[in-house]
Amino acid sequence: MPKQLFRHFNKYVELTEDDFQKMFRYFELRTVKKKEVLVEAGSICKDNHFVLDGCLHMFFVNDKGIERTVQFAIENWWMTDDLAYLNQTTTDFSIQAVENTRLLTITHGKQEQLLKEFPQLEKYFRTIYQISYGAALVKMRYLFGLTKEEIYFHFTEQFPLFAQRVPQYLIASFLGLTPEYVSEIRAKKRS
């Protein structure tokens, strides 16, 4: 049983080991290989994923056929299309493994049962969603307030782990840049 999720829960709410043993039955332990797709755009969003180790990215393909990454998830982060998951509708996003990834998955129905049995987890999930929403607002502020070059350097300085682990083309996609532009920026910095 991965204690990682137990520790993460306990950052925000107080749980006993016995409670966690009971909670753990709601989750499925999964391993996905690098580049494996967990969720396809156009499918019903049934699952929420907690990353134990590895990295995922969520993306959509725009009307010009260009892939745009909207979110990454590394260790101790959750990933799903929250709105489609909540409403159990189709998602416009795909989720793919950037690295070989181990994760815990919970279906919408099981999460509802979990919250009924352990209502203290309502606070946990509310806090996680607030943090996620706040991070999305910060990203929007930087996208609207900085130059393309500043956006790239701000991201790589604030999130060096991502800059080291995630391929440059995905970072470019996440920041709304082209891979060629990121290469130019990096070459300019080196010279």
C-alpha atoms as a PDB file:
ATOM      1  CA  MET A   1       0.000   0.000   0.000  1.00  0.00           C
ATOM      2  CA  PRO A   2       1.559   3.325  -1.045  1.00  0.00           C
ATOM      3  CA  LYS A   3       2.018   5.479   2.057  1.00  0.00           C
ATOM      4  CA  GLN A   4       2.575   8.470  -0.213  1.00  0.00           C
ATOM      5  CA  LEU A   5      -1.160   9.146  -0.568  1.00  0.00           C
ATOM      6  CA  PHE A   6      -1.624   8.681   3.200  1.00  0.00           C
ATOM      7  CA  ARG A   7       1.064  11.334   3.844  1.00  0.00           C
ATOM      8  CA  HIS A   8      -0.509  13.635   1.260  1.00  0.00           C
ATOM      9  CA  PHE A   9      -3.959  13.304   2.847  1.00  0.00           C
ATOM     10  CA  ASN A  10      -2.429  14.081   6.232  1.00  0.00           C
ATOM     11  CA  LYS A  11      -0.942  17.346   4.983  1.00  0.00           C
ATOM     12  CA  TYR A  12      -4.507  18.693   4.853  1.00  0.00           C
ATOM     13  CA  VAL A  13      -6.662  16.481   7.107  1.00  0.00           C
ATOM     14  CA  GLU A  14      -5.987  14.117   9.969  1.00  0.00           C
ATOM     15  CA  LEU A  15      -6.396  10.421   9.196  1.00  0.00           C
ATOM     16  CA  THR A  16      -5.457   7.272  11.045  1.00  0.00           C
ATOM     17  CA  GLU A  17      -3.613   4.366   9.468  1.00  0.00           C
ATOM     18  CA  ASP A  18      -6.751   2.251   9.997  1.00  0.00           C
ATOM     19  CA  ASP A  19      -8.868   4.795   8.105  1.00  0.00           C
ATOM     20  CA  PHE A  20      -6.371   4.820   5.284  1.00  0.00           C
ATOM     21  CA  GLN A  21      -6.390   1.006   5.070  1.00  0.00           C
ATOM     22  CA  LYS A  22     -10.162   1.221   4.543  1.00  0.00           C
ATOM     23  CA  MET A  23      -9.832   4.107   2.058  1.00  0.00           C
ATOM     24  CA  PHE A  24      -7.231   2.381  -0.018  1.00  0.00           C
ATOM     25  CA  ARG A  25      -9.745  -0.177  -1.288  1.00  0.00           C
ATOM     26  CA  TYR A  26     -11.373   2.591  -3.352  1.00  0.00           C
ATOM     27  CA  PHE A  27      -8.218   3.043  -5.463  1.00  0.00           C
ATOM     28  CA  GLU A  28      -6.622   1.027  -8.225  1.00  0.00           C
ATOM     29  CA  LEU A  29      -2.825   0.934  -8.487  1.00  0.00           C
ATOM     30  CA  ARG A  30      -1.780   1.364 -12.120  1.00  0.00           C
ATOM     31  CA  THR A  31       1.436   1.559 -14.092  1.00  0.00           C
ATOM     32  CA  VAL A  32       1.553   3.305 -17.459  1.00  0.00           C
ATOM     33  CA  LYS A  33       4.434   3.399 -19.878  1.00  0.00           C
ATOM     34  CA  LYS A  34       5.986   6.528 -21.352  1.00  0.00           C
ATOM     35  CA  LYS A  35       3.717   7.954 -24.115  1.00  0.00           C
ATOM     36  CA  GLU A  36       0.819   5.677 -23.098  1.00  0.00           C
ATOM     37  CA  VAL A  37      -2.534   7.495 -23.240  1.00  0.00           C
ATOM     38  CA  LEU A  38      -4.716   7.143 -20.134  1.00  0.00           C
ATOM     39  CA  VAL A  39      -7.620   9.255 -21.368  1.00  0.00           C
ATOM     40  CA  GLU A  40      -8.606  10.003 -24.970  1.00  0.00           C
ATOM     41  CA  ALA A  41     -10.340  13.241 -25.919  1.00  0.00           C
ATOM     42  CA  GLY A  42     -13.970  12.441 -26.709  1.00  0.00           C
ATOM     43  CA  SER A  43     -14.268   9.723 -24.043  1.00  0.00           C
ATOM     44  CA  ILE A  44     -16.244   9.890 -20.801  1.00  0.00           C
ATOM     45  CA  CYS A  45     -13.975  11.178 -18.029  1.00  0.00           C
ATOM     46  CA  LYS A  46     -14.435   8.453 -15.412  1.00  0.00           C
ATOM     47  CA  ASP A  47     -11.191   8.612 -13.400  1.00  0.00           C
ATOM     48  CA  ASN A  48      -9.080  10.887 -11.224  1.00  0.00           C
ATOM     49  CA  HIS A  49      -5.358  10.046 -11.078  1.00  0.00           C
ATOM     50  CA  PHE A  50      -2.881  10.568  -8.227  1.00  0.00           C
ATOM     51  CA  VAL A  51       0.738  10.335  -9.385  1.00  0.00           C
ATOM     52  CA  LEU A  52       2.985   8.229  -7.145  1.00  0.00           C
ATOM     53  CA  ASP A  53       6.012   8.563  -9.396  1.00  0.00           C
ATOM     54  CA  GLY A  54       6.439   9.722 -12.956  1.00  0.00           C
ATOM     55  CA  CYS A  55       4.841  12.509 -14.957  1.00  0.00           C
ATOM     56  CA  LEU A  56       1.604  13.004 -16.898  1.00  0.00           C
ATOM     57  CA  HIS A  57       0.434  15.792 -19.171  1.00  0.00           C
ATOM     58  CA  MET A  58      -3.041  16.853 -20.210  1.00  0.00           C
ATOM     59  CA  PHE A  59      -3.490  18.294 -23.679  1.00  0.00           C
ATOM     60  CA  PHE A  60      -5.938  19.097 -26.453  1.00  0.00           C
ATOM     61  CA  VAL A  61      -5.465  19.382 -30.192  1.00  0.00           C
ATOM     62  CA  ASN A  62      -6.602  22.728 -31.602  1.00  0.00           C
ATOM     63  CA  ASP A  63      -8.422  23.260 -34.914  1.00  0.00           C
ATOM     64  CA  LYS A  64      -5.061  23.641 -36.697  1.00  0.00           C
ATOM     65  CA  GLY A  65      -3.965  20.207 -35.481  1.00  0.00           C
ATOM     66  CA  ILE A  66      -1.499  21.612 -32.936  1.00  0.00           C
ATOM     67  CA  GLU A  67      -1.210  19.875 -29.574  1.00  0.00           C
ATOM     68  CA  ARG A  68      -1.482  22.244 -26.590  1.00  0.00           C
ATOM     69  CA  THR A  69      -0.494  21.057 -23.120  1.00  0.00           C
ATOM     70  CA  VAL A  70      -2.623  22.609 -20.377  1.00  0.00           C
ATOM     71  CA  GLN A  71      -1.334  20.802 -17.298  1.00  0.00           C
ATOM     72  CA  PHE A  72       1.404  18.557 -15.951  1.00  0.00           C
ATOM     73  CA  ALA A  73       1.239  16.254 -12.931  1.00  0.00           C
ATOM     74  CA  ILE A  74       4.257  14.859 -11.111  1.00  0.00           C
ATOM     75  CA  GLU A  75       4.560  13.072  -7.775  1.00  0.00           C
ATOM     76  CA  ASN A  76       1.749  13.910  -5.322  1.00  0.00           C
ATOM     77  CA  TRP A  77      -0.365  15.748  -7.916  1.00  0.00           C
ATOM     78  CA  TRP A  78      -3.811  14.808  -9.122  1.00  0.00           C
ATOM     79  CA  MET A  79      -4.895  14.927 -12.747  1.00  0.00           C
ATOM     80  CA  THR A  80      -8.269  14.745 -14.436  1.00  0.00           C
ATOM     81  CA  ASP A  81     -10.544  17.002 -16.476  1.00  0.00           C
ATOM     82  CA  ASP A  82     -12.294  18.245 -13.349  1.00  0.00           C
ATOM     83  CA  LEU A  83     -15.465  19.492 -15.050  1.00  0.00           C
ATOM     84  CA  ALA A  84     -15.972  16.380 -17.186  1.00  0.00           C
ATOM     85  CA  TYR A  85     -15.140  14.187 -14.173  1.00  0.00           C
ATOM     86  CA  LEU A  86     -17.660  15.998 -11.995  1.00  0.00           C
ATOM     87  CA  ASN A  87     -20.416  15.783 -14.608  1.00  0.00           C
ATOM     88  CA  GLN A  88     -19.371  12.370 -15.986  1.00  0.00           C
ATOM     89  CA  THR A  89     -19.341  13.767 -19.529  1.00  0.00           C
ATOM     90  CA  THR A  90     -16.950  13.559 -22.449  1.00  0.00           C
ATOM     91  CA  THR A  91     -13.670  15.359 -22.158  1.00  0.00           C
ATOM     92  CA  ASP A  92     -11.973  17.582 -24.731  1.00  0.00           C
ATOM     93  CA  PHE A  93      -8.594  16.612 -23.264  1.00  0.00           C
ATOM     94  CA  SER A  94      -6.270  13.639 -23.474  1.00  0.00           C
ATOM     95  CA  ILE A  95      -3.953  12.537 -20.668  1.00  0.00           C
ATOM     96  CA  GLN A  96      -0.653  10.879 -21.560  1.00  0.00           C
ATOM     97  CA  ALA A  97       2.361   9.638 -19.616  1.00  0.00           C
ATOM     98  CA  VAL A  98       5.499  11.745 -20.174  1.00  0.00           C
ATOM     99  CA  GLU A  99       7.561   9.145 -18.275  1.00  0.00           C
ATOM    100  CA  ASN A 100       6.874   5.644 -17.021  1.00  0.00           C
ATOM    101  CA  THR A 101       4.371   6.428 -14.280  1.00  0.00           C
ATOM    102  CA  ARG A 102       2.839   4.690 -11.277  1.00  0.00           C
ATOM    103  CA  LEU A 103      -0.453   6.117 -10.117  1.00  0.00           C
ATOM    104  CA  LEU A 104      -3.519   5.533  -8.034  1.00  0.00           C
ATOM    105  CA  THR A 105      -6.799   5.870  -9.905  1.00  0.00           C
ATOM    106  CA  ILE A 106     -10.240   6.395  -8.434  1.00  0.00           C
ATOM    107  CA  THR A 107     -13.483   6.375 -10.391  1.00  0.00           C
ATOM    108  CA  HIS A 108     -16.066   9.085  -9.893  1.00  0.00           C
ATOM    109  CA  GLY A 109     -18.495   6.644  -8.296  1.00  0.00           C
ATOM    110  CA  LYS A 110     -15.893   5.304  -5.883  1.00  0.00           C
ATOM    111  CA  GLN A 111     -14.790   8.827  -4.976  1.00  0.00           C
ATOM    112  CA  GLU A 112     -18.394   9.682  -4.096  1.00  0.00           C
ATOM    113  CA  GLN A 113     -18.568   6.571  -1.888  1.00  0.00           C
ATOM    114  CA  LEU A 114     -15.211   7.474  -0.319  1.00  0.00           C
ATOM    115  CA  LEU A 115     -16.458  10.957   0.565  1.00  0.00           C
ATOM    116  CA  LYS A 116     -19.632   9.549   2.134  1.00  0.00           C
ATOM    117  CA  GLU A 117     -17.653   7.120   4.283  1.00  0.00           C
ATOM    118  CA  PHE A 118     -14.910   9.654   5.118  1.00  0.00           C
ATOM    119  CA  PRO A 119     -16.474  13.143   5.020  1.00  0.00           C
ATOM    120  CA  GLN A 120     -13.235  14.735   6.293  1.00  0.00           C
ATOM    121  CA  LEU A 121     -11.838  14.149   2.795  1.00  0.00           C
ATOM    122  CA  GLU A 122     -14.225  16.810   1.481  1.00  0.00           C
ATOM    123  CA  LYS A 123     -11.815  19.342   3.019  1.00  0.00           C
ATOM    124  CA  TYR A 124      -8.840  17.588   1.450  1.00  0.00           C
ATOM    125  CA  PHE A 125     -10.286  17.649  -2.068  1.00  0.00           C
ATOM    126  CA  ARG A 126     -11.584  21.214  -1.662  1.00  0.00           C
ATOM    127  CA  THR A 127      -8.083  22.337  -0.676  1.00  0.00           C
ATOM    128  CA  ILE A 128      -6.484  20.462  -3.593  1.00  0.00           C
ATOM    129  CA  TYR A 129      -8.934  22.053  -6.049  1.00  0.00           C
ATOM    130  CA  GLN A 130      -8.309  25.524  -4.604  1.00  0.00           C
ATOM    131  CA  ILE A 131      -4.545  25.076  -4.999  1.00  0.00           C
ATOM    132  CA  SER A 132      -5.029  23.868  -8.570  1.00  0.00           C
ATOM    133  CA  TYR A 133      -7.309  26.784  -9.423  1.00  0.00           C
ATOM    134  CA  GLY A 134      -4.846  29.251  -7.887  1.00  0.00           C
ATOM    135  CA  ALA A 135      -2.007  27.781  -9.966  1.00  0.00           C
ATOM    136  CA  ALA A 136      -4.120  28.165 -13.127  1.00  0.00           C
ATOM    137  CA  LEU A 137      -4.719  31.839 -12.286  1.00  0.00           C
ATOM    138  CA  VAL A 138      -1.001  32.443 -11.770  1.00  0.00           C
ATOM    139  CA  LYS A 139      -0.293  30.819 -15.144  1.00  0.00           C
ATOM    140  CA  MET A 140      -2.845  33.113 -16.816  1.00  0.00           C
ATOM    141  CA  ARG A 141      -1.279  36.164 -15.170  1.00  0.00           C
ATOM    142  CA  TYR A 142       2.138  35.272 -16.543  1.00  0.00           C
ATOM    143  CA  LEU A 143       0.809  34.442 -20.015  1.00  0.00           C
ATOM    144  CA  PHE A 144      -0.897  37.829 -20.216  1.00  0.00           C
ATOM    145  CA  GLY A 145       1.736  39.881 -18.385  1.00  0.00           C
ATOM    146  CA  LEU A 146       5.126  38.682 -19.627  1.00  0.00           C
ATOM    147  CA  THR A 147       6.872  38.528 -22.970  1.00  0.00           C
ATOM    148  CA  LYS A 148       7.305  35.098 -24.534  1.00  0.00           C
ATOM    149  CA  GLU A 149      10.945  35.056 -23.524  1.00  0.00           C
ATOM    150  CA  GLU A 150      10.118  36.112 -19.954  1.00  0.00           C
ATOM    151  CA  ILE A 151       7.431  33.409 -19.756  1.00  0.00           C
ATOM    152  CA  TYR A 152       9.946  30.722 -20.691  1.00  0.00           C
ATOM    153  CA  PHE A 153      12.666  31.877 -18.279  1.00  0.00           C
ATOM    154  CA  HIS A 154      10.191  32.419 -15.462  1.00  0.00           C
ATOM    155  CA  PHE A 155       8.879  28.873 -15.901  1.00  0.00           C
ATOM    156  CA  THR A 156      12.332  27.272 -16.023  1.00  0.00           C
ATOM    157  CA  GLU A 157      13.513  29.243 -12.973  1.00  0.00           C
ATOM    158  CA  GLN A 158      10.380  28.625 -10.908  1.00  0.00           C
ATOM    159  CA  PHE A 159      10.026  24.972 -11.893  1.00  0.00           C
ATOM    160  CA  PRO A 160      13.522  23.617 -12.575  1.00  0.00           C
ATOM    161  CA  LEU A 161      12.357  20.037 -11.980  1.00  0.00           C
ATOM    162  CA  PHE A 162       9.959  20.300 -14.910  1.00  0.00           C
ATOM    163  CA  ALA A 163      12.606  21.955 -17.070  1.00  0.00           C
ATOM    164  CA  GLN A 164      14.878  18.960 -16.438  1.00  0.00           C
ATOM    165  CA  ARG A 165      12.294  16.181 -16.718  1.00  0.00           C
ATOM    166  CA  VAL A 166       9.871  17.344 -19.398  1.00  0.00           C
ATOM    167  CA  PRO A 167      10.850  17.482 -23.087  1.00  0.00           C
ATOM    168  CA  GLN A 168      11.267  21.010 -24.438  1.00  0.00           C
ATOM    169  CA  TYR A 169       8.483  20.581 -27.006  1.00  0.00           C
ATOM    170  CA  LEU A 170       5.996  19.899 -24.171  1.00  0.00           C
ATOM    171  CA  ILE A 171       7.213  22.911 -22.188  1.00  0.00           C
ATOM    172  CA  ALA A 172       6.798  24.998 -25.349  1.00  0.00           C
ATOM    173  CA  SER A 173       3.278  23.622 -25.815  1.00  0.00           C
ATOM    174  CA  PHE A 174       2.378  24.379 -22.180  1.00  0.00           C
ATOM    175  CA  LEU A 175       3.653  27.961 -22.463  1.00  0.00           C
ATOM    176  CA  GLY A 176       1.975  28.642 -25.812  1.00  0.00           C
ATOM    177  CA  LEU A 177       5.299  28.764 -27.650  1.00  0.00           C
ATOM    178  CA  THR A 178       6.699  26.812 -30.568  1.00  0.00           C
ATOM    179  CA  PRO A 179       9.577  24.371 -30.016  1.00  0.00           C
ATOM    180  CA  GLU A 180      11.618  26.374 -32.543  1.00  0.00           C
ATOM    181  CA  TYR A 181      11.138  29.568 -30.545  1.00  0.00           C
ATOM    182  CA  VAL A 182      12.210  27.824 -27.337  1.00  0.00           C
ATOM    183  CA  SER A 183      15.354  26.582 -29.131  1.00  0.00           C
ATOM    184  CA  GLU A 184      16.110  30.155 -30.249  1.00  0.00           C
ATOM    185  CA  ILE A 185      15.643  31.510 -26.716  1.00  0.00           C
ATOM    186  CA  ARG A 186      17.903  28.835 -25.250  1.00  0.00           C
ATOM    187  CA  ALA A 187      20.597  29.397 -27.909  1.00  0.00           C
ATOM    188  CA  LYS A 188      20.476  33.143 -27.323  1.00  0.00           C
ATOM    189  CA  LYS A 189      20.956  32.646 -23.571  1.00  0.00           C
ATOM    190  CA  ARG A 190      23.982  30.381 -24.111  1.00  0.00           C
ATOM    191  CA  SER A 191      25.749  32.862 -26.394  1.00  0.00           C
END
